Amino acid sequence: MGNKLNDLHLTDDLLQIILDEIDIGIHVINLDGKTVIYNHKMMEIESMNQEDVLHKNLLDVFTFKENQHSTLLEALKYGKTRKHIKQTYFNNKGKEVTTINDTLPIIKNGQIVGAIEIVNDVSKINQLMKNDLNQQRNTHFTFDQIIGESIAIKSVIEEAKRSAKTSSSVLIVGETGTGKELFAQSIHHESKRSNKPFISQNCAAIPDSLIESILFGTKKGAFTGAIDKPGLFEEANGGTILLDEINSLNPTLQAKLLRVLQDQKVRRIGDFVEKELDVRVIATINEDPIEAIANNRLRKDLYYRLSVVTLFLPPLRERKNDIFLLSAYFLNKYNSRFGLSVERLDDQVTDFFLTHTWPGNVRELEHMIEGAMNLIEDEKMITSFHLPTRFSNQIYQTTHIQTLDVQLVDDQISNEKQNKGQLKEKVQEMEKEYILQVLENHNGNITRAAKELGLSRQNLQYRLKKFKLN
């Protein structure tokens, strides 16, 4: 064993392997101020390649803010050793870099021969600190986190902010994925109750047999296995309770809920004592409340009690200008989460996003971008190939038909100039064969074939007539 250790020499290659494996940045310059060691972690922190830095003068690569200097050069020039120094500078592409450094001179035979900088990535440290702080505070959403510049969303935000100043009940109306809980939490966070509990319960997620005891609590002995347990209303006392999908509660339970709201008192199941409450109620509904009332899914008297303030959240299809802002936000979010550097959507995906109806709204947009970025490797933009198959096929088929139409126009111009019709006939034959193939795939069903081709039913029928296929 001892002989083997004696044979192990620290070669340059071995040194580089070790330096590249450690999770701190190492940057070493020689007496001339040129970089002689620059490890993989340092490249990652500074967003640089080794060839951009190695064997080059430090000041030819990096720039510093006015009145600020490189701690590495100060160690070289003045022999200064500095610990845990925060430094901000710019790489050769102008990107700002912030690090926490330990910098010291390299001394041989009493002479300074170089300097070394040991670097921690401050962005990761800040993120860890932020995550810990959020866990301690149980941070909720705020209005600042609601993304959108459209009049539709900004007007709702202003209404919600005004409602935060009171303790009146709020009914938030919106389709699935429009951000109802985000608004509810923002109202609580902005209100005088922000340092009190915020309790949320999805009423559709719990069976009727359990939801009453969950909301109102139980008295020991009320039924087999019952214990003294407070309900969510008691736990939210002084704060806010969010009742999500209120229209999923059965009418009997809605009547009991109405009594609690009117009296501001709650009685546990099996108990005879009522307890005073000071709870603000925010409820959400994912359909038109008038339709819910008409179809007996929502009691009219409960609706009037809850809708002191009513917020109607616009679906994404009615605020399509916000798609660009939302997409940029989600790109940044998942770039950070997945360690990617996706910069944008390509033109075909952008066009698709603007024409898609978004039945799942903002949540669907986020999930689509997250799913696409799971398929990204080194690409800088999301293309149709990264989207779910049903959408990428739709984009391809739409583009294919548009391309054929453009070819037809180009052919007409060419025929006028050259008095030749061969190209036009060829393109029409291609289009005819393509339509026939899609029709055959759908057993002649025009509606389904038109959908796959990205055409309206009428447009497809026109083409069938033009090509004498009907």
Protein backbone atom coordinates (compact mmCIF):
# COMPACT_ATOMS: atom_id res chain seq x y z
CA MET A 1 0.00 0.00 0.00
CA GLY A 2 2.80 2.38 1.01
CA ASN A 3 4.68 1.69 -2.24
CA LYS A 4 1.57 2.50 -4.30
CA LEU A 5 1.15 5.84 -2.52
CA ASN A 6 4.78 6.68 -3.22
CA ASP A 7 4.14 6.09 -6.93
CA LEU A 8 1.20 8.54 -6.99
CA HIS A 9 2.47 11.87 -8.32
CA LEU A 10 0.37 15.02 -8.59
CA THR A 11 0.57 15.43 -12.36
CA ASP A 12 -1.02 18.38 -14.15
CA ASP A 13 -3.82 16.13 -15.44
CA LEU A 14 -4.54 14.76 -11.97
CA LEU A 15 -4.51 18.25 -10.50
CA GLN A 16 -7.00 19.43 -13.13
CA ILE A 17 -9.32 16.47 -12.41
CA ILE A 18 -9.29 17.30 -8.70
CA LEU A 19 -9.89 21.02 -9.32
CA ASP A 20 -12.79 20.32 -11.66
CA GLU A 21 -14.49 17.98 -9.19
CA ILE A 22 -14.60 20.33 -6.19
CA ASP A 23 -17.70 22.49 -5.73
CA ILE A 24 -15.91 25.83 -5.32
CA GLY A 25 -14.41 28.11 -7.92
CA ILE A 26 -10.60 28.27 -8.16
CA HIS A 27 -8.88 31.07 -10.11
CA VAL A 28 -5.09 31.42 -10.05
CA ILE A 29 -3.00 34.13 -11.76
CA ASN A 30 0.76 34.31 -12.19
CA LEU A 31 3.11 37.22 -11.52
CA ASP A 32 2.14 38.81 -14.85
CA GLY A 33 -1.55 38.80 -13.93
CA LYS A 34 -2.37 36.06 -16.41
CA THR A 35 -4.67 33.16 -15.54
CA VAL A 36 -2.91 29.81 -15.11
CA ILE A 37 -5.63 27.80 -13.32
CA TYR A 38 -9.37 28.19 -13.95
CA ASN A 39 -11.54 25.25 -12.86
CA HIS A 40 -14.93 24.02 -14.05
CA LYS A 41 -16.89 25.48 -11.11
CA MET A 42 -15.38 28.90 -11.80
CA MET A 43 -16.48 28.65 -15.41
CA GLU A 44 -20.01 27.85 -14.23
CA ILE A 45 -20.11 30.75 -11.75
CA GLU A 46 -18.81 33.32 -14.24
CA SER A 47 -20.60 31.90 -17.32
CA MET A 48 -17.29 31.65 -19.18
CA ASN A 49 -15.34 29.06 -21.14
CA GLN A 50 -11.81 28.11 -20.14
CA GLU A 51 -10.37 29.38 -23.42
CA ASP A 52 -11.92 32.82 -22.73
CA VAL A 53 -9.81 33.21 -19.56
CA LEU A 54 -6.82 30.86 -19.47
CA HIS A 55 -3.42 32.45 -20.26
CA LYS A 56 -5.05 35.89 -20.65
CA ASN A 57 -4.54 39.02 -18.59
CA LEU A 58 -7.28 39.35 -15.97
CA LEU A 59 -8.18 42.95 -16.91
CA ASP A 60 -8.48 41.99 -20.58
CA VAL A 61 -11.31 39.62 -19.66
CA PHE A 62 -13.14 41.12 -16.69
CA THR A 63 -14.29 44.67 -15.91
CA PHE A 64 -15.10 46.21 -12.57
CA LYS A 65 -17.39 48.97 -11.37
CA GLU A 66 -16.01 52.44 -10.84
CA ASN A 67 -13.84 52.73 -7.70
CA GLN A 68 -13.79 48.94 -7.35
CA HIS A 69 -10.79 46.70 -7.92
CA SER A 70 -10.04 43.03 -8.39
CA THR A 71 -9.30 41.37 -5.06
CA LEU A 72 -7.16 38.89 -6.99
CA LEU A 73 -4.92 41.64 -8.38
CA GLU A 74 -4.75 43.33 -4.97
CA ALA A 75 -3.47 40.07 -3.48
CA LEU A 76 -0.86 39.90 -6.23
CA LYS A 77 0.24 43.55 -5.99
CA TYR A 78 0.05 44.21 -2.25
CA GLY A 79 0.19 40.71 -0.76
CA LYS A 80 -3.25 41.20 0.82
CA THR A 81 -5.15 38.22 2.19
CA ARG A 82 -8.89 38.86 2.34
CA LYS A 83 -11.63 36.55 3.62
CA HIS A 84 -15.35 36.38 2.77
CA ILE A 85 -15.34 39.47 0.55
CA LYS A 86 -18.39 40.08 -1.62
CA GLN A 87 -17.38 41.23 -5.10
CA THR A 88 -19.42 42.26 -8.15
CA TYR A 89 -17.89 42.53 -11.62
CA PHE A 90 -18.66 41.78 -15.28
CA ASN A 91 -17.52 38.97 -17.58
CA ASN A 92 -16.42 39.46 -21.20
CA LYS A 93 -20.05 39.42 -22.37
CA GLY A 94 -21.07 42.16 -19.95
CA LYS A 95 -22.95 39.80 -17.63
CA GLU A 96 -22.87 40.83 -13.97
CA VAL A 97 -21.30 38.30 -11.61
CA THR A 98 -21.49 38.42 -7.80
CA THR A 99 -19.31 36.17 -5.65
CA ILE A 100 -18.01 35.75 -2.12
CA ASN A 101 -14.22 35.33 -2.22
CA ASP A 102 -11.25 34.24 -0.16
CA THR A 103 -8.19 35.77 -1.87
CA LEU A 104 -4.53 35.32 -0.92
CA PRO A 105 -1.09 35.71 -2.46
CA ILE A 106 1.02 32.71 -3.44
CA ILE A 107 4.47 33.11 -1.87
CA LYS A 108 7.59 31.13 -2.78
CA ASN A 109 10.98 31.75 -1.18
CA GLY A 110 9.61 34.91 0.39
CA GLN A 111 8.47 36.35 -2.96
CA ILE A 112 4.96 36.78 -4.35
CA VAL A 113 4.73 34.63 -7.48
CA GLY A 114 0.96 34.68 -8.03
CA ALA A 115 -2.43 34.86 -6.33
CA ILE A 116 -5.35 32.50 -5.81
CA GLU A 117 -9.04 33.22 -5.41
CA ILE A 118 -11.43 30.69 -3.86
CA VAL A 119 -14.99 31.53 -4.79
CA ASN A 120 -18.48 30.65 -3.57
CA ASP A 121 -21.52 31.19 -5.81
CA VAL A 122 -23.45 33.87 -3.91
CA SER A 123 -26.61 33.37 -5.98
CA LYS A 124 -27.01 29.81 -4.63
CA ILE A 125 -26.30 30.96 -1.07
CA ASN A 126 -28.94 33.69 -1.38
CA GLN A 127 -31.46 31.19 -2.77
CA LEU A 128 -30.89 28.77 0.12
CA MET A 129 -31.31 31.62 2.63
CA LYS A 130 -34.46 32.76 0.87
CA ASN A 131 -35.94 29.25 0.90
CA ASP A 132 -35.23 28.86 4.62
CA LEU A 133 -36.80 32.25 5.35
CA ASN A 134 -39.89 31.39 3.33
CA GLN A 135 -40.31 28.13 5.24
CA GLN A 136 -40.03 29.95 8.58
CA ARG A 137 -42.57 32.60 7.58
CA ASN A 138 -44.86 30.24 5.65
CA THR A 139 -44.89 32.93 2.97
CA HIS A 140 -48.08 33.38 0.93
CA PHE A 141 -48.62 34.89 -2.50
CA THR A 142 -48.83 38.66 -2.80
CA PHE A 143 -50.25 41.02 -5.41
CA ASP A 144 -46.71 41.67 -6.67
CA GLN A 145 -46.60 38.08 -7.89
CA ILE A 146 -49.68 38.42 -10.10
CA ILE A 147 -48.30 38.83 -13.62
CA GLY A 148 -50.11 40.84 -16.26
CA GLU A 149 -50.36 44.25 -17.86
CA SER A 150 -53.73 43.82 -19.58
CA ILE A 151 -56.60 46.06 -18.52
CA ALA A 152 -58.64 42.96 -17.67
CA ILE A 153 -56.23 41.67 -15.00
CA LYS A 154 -55.10 45.06 -13.69
CA SER A 155 -58.68 46.15 -12.96
CA VAL A 156 -59.31 42.96 -10.95
CA ILE A 157 -56.09 43.50 -8.99
CA GLU A 158 -57.23 47.01 -8.06
CA GLU A 159 -60.63 45.71 -6.91
CA ALA A 160 -58.94 43.00 -4.86
CA LYS A 161 -56.59 45.51 -3.23
CA ARG A 162 -59.55 47.66 -2.20
CA SER A 163 -61.31 44.65 -0.72
CA ALA A 164 -58.21 43.85 1.37
CA LYS A 165 -58.88 46.96 3.45
CA THR A 166 -62.10 45.50 4.88
CA SER A 167 -63.23 42.21 6.45
CA SER A 168 -66.17 41.63 4.10
CA SER A 169 -66.71 38.23 2.49
CA VAL A 170 -65.27 37.83 -1.00
CA LEU A 171 -66.42 35.51 -3.78
CA ILE A 172 -63.79 34.88 -6.46
CA VAL A 173 -65.24 33.63 -9.74
CA GLY A 174 -62.95 32.11 -12.32
CA GLU A 175 -62.27 29.10 -14.49
CA THR A 176 -59.79 26.43 -13.44
CA GLY A 177 -56.23 27.74 -13.54
CA THR A 178 -56.98 31.47 -13.49
CA GLY A 179 -55.30 32.04 -10.12
CA LYS A 180 -58.16 32.15 -7.63
CA GLU A 181 -56.08 31.02 -4.64
CA LEU A 182 -53.30 33.42 -5.63
CA PHE A 183 -55.81 36.29 -5.34
CA ALA A 184 -57.20 34.94 -2.06
CA GLN A 185 -53.76 34.73 -0.46
CA SER A 186 -52.84 38.17 -1.78
CA ILE A 187 -55.95 39.69 -0.20
CA HIS A 188 -55.09 38.08 3.15
CA HIS A 189 -51.45 39.17 2.90
CA GLU A 190 -52.49 42.79 2.21
CA SER A 191 -55.08 42.90 5.00
CA LYS A 192 -54.80 43.68 8.71
CA ARG A 193 -55.14 39.94 9.29
CA SER A 194 -51.86 39.12 7.57
CA ASN A 195 -50.15 38.05 10.82
CA LYS A 196 -53.04 35.68 11.61
CA PRO A 197 -53.77 32.24 10.10
CA PHE A 198 -54.70 31.69 6.48
CA ILE A 199 -56.53 28.36 6.20
CA SER A 200 -57.46 26.90 2.81
CA GLN A 201 -59.80 24.00 2.11
CA ASN A 202 -60.83 22.57 -1.25
CA CYS A 203 -64.46 21.61 -0.65
CA ALA A 204 -64.49 19.22 -3.64
CA ALA A 205 -61.59 17.16 -2.29
CA ILE A 206 -63.37 15.83 0.82
CA PRO A 207 -66.41 13.50 0.98
CA ASP A 208 -69.67 14.93 2.38
CA SER A 209 -69.39 12.61 5.37
CA LEU A 210 -66.14 14.28 6.46
CA ILE A 211 -66.27 17.89 5.33
CA GLU A 212 -68.67 19.03 8.06
CA SER A 213 -66.42 17.77 10.89
CA ILE A 214 -63.36 19.24 9.14
CA LEU A 215 -64.95 22.68 8.87
CA PHE A 216 -66.75 22.87 12.22
CA GLY A 217 -64.89 20.41 14.47
CA THR A 218 -66.12 17.57 16.70
CA LYS A 219 -67.02 16.94 20.33
CA LYS A 220 -65.75 13.77 22.00
CA GLY A 221 -68.49 11.12 21.98
CA ALA A 222 -70.49 12.76 19.19
CA PHE A 223 -70.05 9.54 17.21
CA THR A 224 -67.89 6.43 17.41
CA GLY A 225 -64.24 7.47 17.48
CA ALA A 226 -65.00 11.20 17.75
CA ILE A 227 -62.54 13.30 19.76
CA ASP A 228 -62.44 16.92 20.86
CA LYS A 229 -61.06 18.57 17.76
CA PRO A 230 -61.39 22.14 16.49
CA GLY A 231 -62.55 22.67 12.94
CA LEU A 232 -60.94 24.89 10.32
CA PHE A 233 -63.10 27.86 11.29
CA GLU A 234 -61.72 27.77 14.83
CA GLU A 235 -58.17 27.32 13.56
CA ALA A 236 -58.60 30.35 11.29
CA ASN A 237 -59.98 32.54 14.07
CA GLY A 238 -58.64 36.06 13.73
CA GLY A 239 -57.49 35.34 10.19
CA THR A 240 -58.91 34.19 6.86
CA ILE A 241 -60.48 30.95 5.66
CA LEU A 242 -60.58 30.11 1.95
CA LEU A 243 -63.35 27.75 0.84
CA ASP A 244 -62.34 26.60 -2.62
CA GLU A 245 -65.04 25.33 -5.03
CA ILE A 246 -67.86 26.26 -2.68
CA ASN A 247 -70.41 25.00 -5.24
CA SER A 248 -69.32 21.41 -4.55
CA LEU A 249 -70.82 21.45 -1.01
CA ASN A 250 -74.21 19.77 -0.68
CA PRO A 251 -77.21 22.11 -0.01
CA THR A 252 -77.61 20.97 3.61
CA LEU A 253 -74.02 21.81 4.44
CA GLN A 254 -74.35 25.12 2.57
CA ALA A 255 -77.24 26.00 4.91
CA LYS A 256 -75.10 25.24 7.99
CA LEU A 257 -72.26 27.29 6.54
CA LEU A 258 -74.64 30.21 5.96
CA ARG A 259 -75.68 30.15 9.62
CA VAL A 260 -72.04 30.26 10.75
CA LEU A 261 -71.36 33.22 8.46
CA GLN A 262 -74.41 35.13 9.63
CA ASP A 263 -73.97 34.50 13.37
CA GLN A 264 -70.16 34.49 13.41
CA LYS A 265 -70.42 31.53 15.75
CA VAL A 266 -69.52 27.89 15.31
CA ARG A 267 -70.69 24.77 17.15
CA ARG A 268 -68.75 21.55 16.93
CA ILE A 269 -70.59 18.40 15.91
CA GLY A 270 -72.11 16.84 19.05
CA ASP A 271 -71.59 19.98 21.17
CA PHE A 272 -74.15 22.39 22.62
CA VAL A 273 -71.79 25.31 23.09
CA GLU A 274 -71.28 27.91 20.37
CA LYS A 275 -67.93 29.63 20.06
CA GLU A 276 -67.51 33.22 18.90
CA LEU A 277 -65.60 33.68 15.65
CA ASP A 278 -63.72 36.47 13.96
CA VAL A 279 -62.98 34.97 10.56
CA ARG A 280 -62.94 36.52 7.13
CA VAL A 281 -64.37 34.15 4.51
CA ILE A 282 -63.14 34.06 0.93
CA ALA A 283 -64.85 31.56 -1.34
CA THR A 284 -64.14 30.53 -4.93
CA ILE A 285 -66.33 29.10 -7.64
CA ASN A 286 -65.25 27.80 -11.06
CA GLU A 287 -68.51 28.51 -12.91
CA ASP A 288 -70.98 31.34 -13.35
CA PRO A 289 -72.67 31.65 -9.92
CA ILE A 290 -76.03 32.44 -11.54
CA GLU A 291 -75.87 29.15 -13.47
CA ALA A 292 -74.82 27.36 -10.29
CA ILE A 293 -77.88 28.75 -8.51
CA ALA A 294 -80.17 27.82 -11.41
CA ASN A 295 -78.82 24.25 -11.37
CA ASN A 296 -79.10 23.93 -7.56
CA ARG A 297 -75.36 23.77 -7.01
CA LEU A 298 -75.29 26.98 -4.98
CA ARG A 299 -77.90 28.31 -2.56
CA LYS A 300 -79.09 31.77 -3.49
CA ASP A 301 -78.97 33.02 0.13
CA LEU A 302 -75.39 31.73 0.56
CA TYR A 303 -74.41 33.44 -2.69
CA TYR A 304 -75.72 36.78 -1.47
CA ARG A 305 -73.90 36.35 1.84
CA LEU A 306 -70.59 35.47 0.20
CA SER A 307 -70.67 37.94 -2.69
CA VAL A 308 -70.38 41.17 -0.70
CA VAL A 309 -67.33 41.62 -2.93
CA THR A 310 -67.23 39.60 -6.16
CA LEU A 311 -64.09 39.31 -8.26
CA PHE A 312 -64.38 37.91 -11.78
CA LEU A 313 -60.97 36.63 -12.92
CA PRO A 314 -60.53 36.82 -16.70
CA PRO A 315 -59.56 33.61 -18.53
CA LEU A 316 -56.24 33.66 -20.36
CA ARG A 317 -57.95 33.76 -23.76
CA GLU A 318 -59.30 37.21 -22.83
CA ARG A 319 -55.87 38.59 -21.84
CA LYS A 320 -53.64 37.16 -24.55
CA ASN A 321 -51.20 40.07 -24.43
CA ASP A 322 -50.18 38.75 -21.01
CA ILE A 323 -49.04 35.46 -22.55
CA PHE A 324 -45.66 37.02 -23.40
CA LEU A 325 -45.07 38.22 -19.82
CA LEU A 326 -46.26 34.94 -18.33
CA SER A 327 -44.14 32.88 -20.71
CA ALA A 328 -41.04 34.92 -19.85
CA TYR A 329 -41.74 34.45 -16.14
CA PHE A 330 -42.14 30.67 -16.47
CA LEU A 331 -39.02 30.42 -18.66
CA ASN A 332 -37.00 32.15 -15.93
CA LYS A 333 -38.61 30.02 -13.23
CA TYR A 334 -37.77 26.70 -14.85
CA ASN A 335 -34.38 27.86 -16.15
CA SER A 336 -33.48 28.42 -12.51
CA ARG A 337 -35.07 25.17 -11.34
CA PHE A 338 -33.62 22.94 -14.07
CA GLY A 339 -30.29 24.70 -14.61
CA LEU A 340 -31.14 25.64 -18.21
CA SER A 341 -30.68 28.80 -20.28
CA VAL A 342 -33.72 28.84 -22.57
CA GLU A 343 -34.17 32.36 -23.92
CA ARG A 344 -37.44 32.37 -25.84
CA LEU A 345 -40.19 30.61 -27.78
CA ASP A 346 -39.77 30.23 -31.52
CA ASP A 347 -42.18 31.98 -33.89
CA GLN A 348 -44.35 28.91 -34.52
CA VAL A 349 -44.84 28.29 -30.79
CA THR A 350 -45.57 31.99 -30.21
CA ASP A 351 -48.24 31.95 -32.94
CA PHE A 352 -49.74 28.79 -31.46
CA PHE A 353 -49.83 30.27 -27.95
CA LEU A 354 -51.70 33.31 -29.29
CA THR A 355 -54.34 31.22 -31.09
CA HIS A 356 -54.77 28.45 -28.50
CA THR A 357 -57.94 28.76 -26.37
CA TRP A 358 -56.20 27.77 -23.09
CA PRO A 359 -59.00 25.84 -21.36
CA GLY A 360 -56.63 25.34 -18.40
CA ASN A 361 -55.66 29.03 -18.40
CA VAL A 362 -52.41 30.19 -16.72
CA ARG A 363 -51.91 26.81 -15.06
CA GLU A 364 -52.04 25.10 -18.47
CA LEU A 365 -49.52 27.59 -19.87
CA GLU A 366 -47.13 26.94 -16.98
CA HIS A 367 -47.46 23.17 -17.29
CA MET A 368 -46.90 23.33 -21.05
CA ILE A 369 -43.69 25.34 -20.63
CA GLU A 370 -42.51 23.13 -17.77
CA GLY A 371 -43.16 20.02 -19.86
CA ALA A 372 -41.32 21.49 -22.85
CA MET A 373 -38.31 22.37 -20.71
CA ASN A 374 -38.12 18.78 -19.49
CA LEU A 375 -37.24 17.89 -23.10
CA ILE A 376 -34.68 20.68 -23.54
CA GLU A 377 -30.98 19.84 -23.56
CA ASP A 378 -28.71 22.61 -24.85
CA GLU A 379 -31.27 24.45 -26.97
CA LYS A 380 -31.88 28.15 -26.42
CA MET A 381 -35.53 28.22 -27.44
CA ILE A 382 -38.68 26.13 -27.20
CA THR A 383 -39.90 24.79 -30.55
CA SER A 384 -42.99 22.83 -31.53
CA PHE A 385 -41.03 19.59 -31.08
CA HIS A 386 -40.87 20.25 -27.32
CA LEU A 387 -44.66 20.56 -26.97
CA PRO A 388 -47.07 17.66 -26.36
CA THR A 389 -47.60 15.59 -29.53
CA ARG A 390 -51.18 16.71 -30.08
CA PHE A 391 -50.06 20.34 -30.20
CA SER A 392 -46.86 19.84 -32.21
CA ASN A 393 -48.89 17.90 -34.83
CA GLN A 394 -51.42 20.72 -34.95
CA ILE A 395 -48.65 23.30 -35.49
CA TYR A 396 -47.05 21.15 -38.20
CA GLN A 397 -50.30 20.58 -40.06
CA THR A 398 -51.28 24.25 -39.94
CA THR A 399 -47.83 25.27 -41.20
CA HIS A 400 -47.98 22.60 -43.92
CA ILE A 401 -51.32 23.89 -45.28
CA GLN A 402 -50.07 27.50 -45.13
CA THR A 403 -46.93 26.47 -47.01
CA LEU A 404 -49.01 24.80 -49.69
CA ASP A 405 -51.13 27.96 -50.07
CA VAL A 406 -48.00 30.10 -50.39
CA GLN A 407 -46.66 27.70 -53.01
CA LEU A 408 -49.92 28.05 -54.96
CA VAL A 409 -49.61 31.84 -55.00
CA ASP A 410 -45.95 31.67 -56.02
CA ASP A 411 -46.86 29.25 -58.79
CA GLN A 412 -49.56 31.56 -60.14
CA ILE A 413 -47.07 34.42 -60.36
CA SER A 414 -44.53 32.16 -62.00
CA ASN A 415 -47.12 30.94 -64.53
CA GLU A 416 -48.03 34.50 -65.51
CA LYS A 417 -44.38 35.31 -66.11
CA GLN A 418 -43.34 32.05 -67.73
CA ASN A 419 -46.64 30.89 -69.20
CA LYS A 420 -46.10 27.48 -67.65
CA GLY A 421 -48.55 25.62 -65.43
CA GLN A 422 -46.58 22.54 -64.48
CA LEU A 423 -45.54 23.71 -60.96
CA LYS A 424 -49.04 24.81 -60.00
CA GLU A 425 -50.45 21.47 -61.07
CA LYS A 426 -47.76 19.65 -59.08
CA VAL A 427 -48.50 21.60 -55.89
CA GLN A 428 -52.25 21.07 -56.29
CA GLU A 429 -51.65 17.37 -56.75
CA MET A 430 -49.56 17.33 -53.55
CA GLU A 431 -52.31 19.10 -51.64
CA LYS A 432 -54.97 16.78 -53.08
CA GLU A 433 -53.01 13.66 -52.06
CA TYR A 434 -52.37 15.03 -48.58
CA ILE A 435 -56.08 15.80 -48.00
CA LEU A 436 -57.09 12.39 -49.29
CA GLN A 437 -54.65 10.71 -46.89
CA VAL A 438 -56.01 12.63 -43.87
CA LEU A 439 -59.62 11.89 -44.89
CA GLU A 440 -58.76 8.20 -45.18
CA ASN A 441 -57.21 8.28 -41.70
CA HIS A 442 -60.52 9.56 -40.34
CA ASN A 443 -62.76 7.27 -42.42
CA GLY A 444 -64.08 10.22 -44.41
CA ASN A 445 -65.17 12.25 -41.37
CA ILE A 446 -64.85 15.87 -42.58
CA THR A 447 -65.02 17.46 -39.13
CA ARG A 448 -62.15 15.41 -37.70
CA ALA A 449 -60.10 15.69 -40.88
CA ALA A 450 -60.52 19.49 -40.94
CA LYS A 451 -59.36 19.67 -37.33
CA GLU A 452 -56.21 17.66 -38.09
CA LEU A 453 -55.49 19.78 -41.18
CA GLY A 454 -55.93 22.99 -39.18
CA LEU A 455 -58.74 24.13 -41.49
CA SER A 456 -62.33 25.11 -40.89
CA ARG A 457 -64.96 22.61 -42.05
CA GLN A 458 -66.07 25.07 -44.75
CA ASN A 459 -62.50 25.56 -46.00
CA LEU A 460 -61.99 21.81 -46.32
CA GLN A 461 -65.29 21.42 -48.18
CA TYR A 462 -64.19 24.15 -50.58
CA ARG A 463 -60.98 22.23 -51.30
CA LEU A 464 -62.90 18.96 -51.79
CA LYS A 465 -65.13 20.68 -54.30
CA LYS A 466 -62.18 22.34 -56.04
CA PHE A 467 -60.41 19.01 -56.42
CA LYS A 468 -63.67 17.19 -57.23
CA LEU A 469 -63.24 14.84 -54.29
CA ASN A 470 -66.81 15.01 -52.90
